[in-house]
Amino acid sequence: METILVATDFSDAANNAADYAVELAKLFTAKIALVNTYNLPYSTYETGTSGDLINVLQEASAGGLQHLKKRIEQNNKHNFEIECFSDFGFAENMIIETANKINADLI
């Protein structure tokens, strides 16, 4: 196993899944790919939205991933690669696209 994809919404359950993935990565000397997506609230589809909201969502997603990556690195003395992927869209689509792109062995 070379790559473990961890999809996260930054919830407690997702953080537990990330911790579990870290332990597997240590065991198999695998790298970790952290994935988060962001989407517009349904109400903005009808009324339209400004680019500012999209920028705020993108910054929150990227910032959350960097925070999670830093927490993983600080809590683990193991040296393994962690990549972060953040994009606008639906979680299901991004997970599949990213898994194919990085040739993930485990999601």
Protein backbone atom coordinates (compact mmCIF):
# COMPACT_ATOMS: atom_id res chain seq x y z
CA MET A 1 0.00 0.00 0.00
CA GLU A 2 1.46 3.31 -1.09
CA THR A 3 -1.24 5.98 -0.81
CA ILE A 4 -4.16 6.45 1.58
CA LEU A 5 -6.81 9.04 0.69
CA VAL A 6 -8.53 10.66 3.65
CA ALA A 7 -11.66 12.66 2.87
CA THR A 8 -12.47 15.14 5.60
CA ASP A 9 -15.15 17.61 6.57
CA PHE A 10 -13.10 18.50 9.69
CA SER A 11 -15.68 16.88 12.01
CA ASP A 12 -14.70 14.78 15.02
CA ALA A 13 -15.58 11.61 13.10
CA ALA A 14 -13.40 12.69 10.16
CA ASN A 15 -10.53 13.50 12.54
CA ASN A 16 -10.83 9.99 14.01
CA ALA A 17 -10.70 8.54 10.49
CA ALA A 18 -7.59 10.63 9.77
CA ASP A 19 -5.92 9.35 12.95
CA TYR A 20 -6.72 5.79 11.91
CA ALA A 21 -5.29 6.45 8.43
CA VAL A 22 -2.11 7.82 10.01
CA GLU A 23 -1.61 4.58 11.93
CA LEU A 24 -2.11 2.58 8.73
CA ALA A 25 0.32 4.87 6.89
CA LYS A 26 2.93 4.22 9.56
CA LEU A 27 2.39 0.47 9.33
CA PHE A 28 2.61 0.35 5.53
CA THR A 29 5.00 3.29 5.02
CA ALA A 30 2.36 4.96 2.89
CA LYS A 31 1.73 8.58 2.09
CA ILE A 32 -1.50 10.35 2.99
CA ALA A 33 -3.68 12.50 0.74
CA LEU A 34 -6.09 14.77 2.61
CA VAL A 35 -9.14 15.80 0.57
CA ASN A 36 -11.78 18.44 1.28
CA THR A 37 -14.41 19.91 -1.00
CA TYR A 38 -16.55 22.96 -0.65
CA ASN A 39 -19.82 23.81 -2.29
CA LEU A 40 -22.25 26.69 -2.30
CA PRO A 41 -25.28 26.52 -0.02
CA TYR A 42 -28.37 25.59 -2.02
CA SER A 43 -30.00 28.96 -1.34
CA THR A 44 -27.28 30.76 -3.30
CA TYR A 45 -27.99 28.84 -6.49
CA GLU A 46 -31.30 30.65 -6.99
CA THR A 47 -30.24 34.08 -5.80
CA GLY A 48 -26.76 34.08 -7.23
CA THR A 49 -23.56 34.51 -5.27
CA SER A 50 -20.54 36.69 -5.27
CA GLY A 51 -17.01 35.56 -5.89
CA ASP A 52 -16.24 36.62 -2.33
CA LEU A 53 -18.21 33.69 -0.91
CA ILE A 54 -16.37 31.22 -3.11
CA ASN A 55 -13.04 32.72 -2.01
CA VAL A 56 -14.02 32.45 1.64
CA LEU A 57 -15.03 28.80 1.19
CA GLN A 58 -11.78 28.02 -0.66
CA GLU A 59 -9.65 29.68 2.01
CA ALA A 60 -11.52 27.84 4.78
CA SER A 61 -11.03 24.50 3.00
CA ALA A 62 -7.32 25.03 2.30
CA GLY A 63 -6.75 26.41 5.80
CA GLY A 64 -8.54 23.48 7.41
CA LEU A 65 -6.42 21.02 5.45
CA GLN A 66 -3.20 22.78 6.45
CA HIS A 67 -4.32 22.77 10.09
CA LEU A 68 -5.08 19.04 9.94
CA LYS A 69 -1.76 18.34 8.22
CA LYS A 70 0.10 20.30 10.90
CA ARG A 71 -1.75 18.45 13.69
CA ILE A 72 -0.84 15.10 12.15
CA GLU A 73 2.81 16.10 11.76
CA GLN A 74 3.05 17.43 15.32
CA ASN A 75 1.38 14.38 16.88
CA ASN A 76 3.45 11.83 15.00
CA LYS A 77 7.18 11.43 14.92
CA HIS A 78 6.88 9.25 11.83
CA ASN A 79 8.16 10.85 8.65
CA PHE A 80 5.68 10.37 5.82
CA GLU A 81 4.40 12.51 3.00
CA ILE A 82 1.08 14.34 3.36
CA GLU A 83 -0.56 16.00 0.35
CA CYS A 84 -3.62 18.25 0.50
CA PHE A 85 -6.33 18.55 -2.15
CA SER A 86 -9.08 21.16 -1.97
CA ASP A 87 -11.54 22.02 -4.69
CA PHE A 88 -15.02 23.30 -5.42
CA GLY A 89 -17.55 20.57 -6.12
CA PHE A 90 -19.36 17.59 -4.71
CA ALA A 91 -17.46 15.38 -2.28
CA GLU A 92 -18.27 12.12 -4.05
CA ASN A 93 -16.92 13.36 -7.36
CA MET A 94 -13.77 14.89 -5.89
CA ILE A 95 -12.96 11.78 -3.87
CA ILE A 96 -13.21 9.56 -6.95
CA GLU A 97 -11.30 12.00 -9.18
CA THR A 98 -8.52 12.48 -6.63
CA ALA A 99 -8.28 8.74 -5.91
CA ASN A 100 -7.83 8.06 -9.62
CA LYS A 101 -5.40 10.95 -10.06
CA ILE A 102 -3.09 9.86 -7.24
CA ASN A 103 -3.70 6.13 -7.68
CA ALA A 104 -4.95 5.75 -4.09
CA ASP A 105 -4.78 2.25 -2.63
CA LEU A 106 -7.23 2.92 0.18
CA ILE A 107 -9.96 5.48 0.83
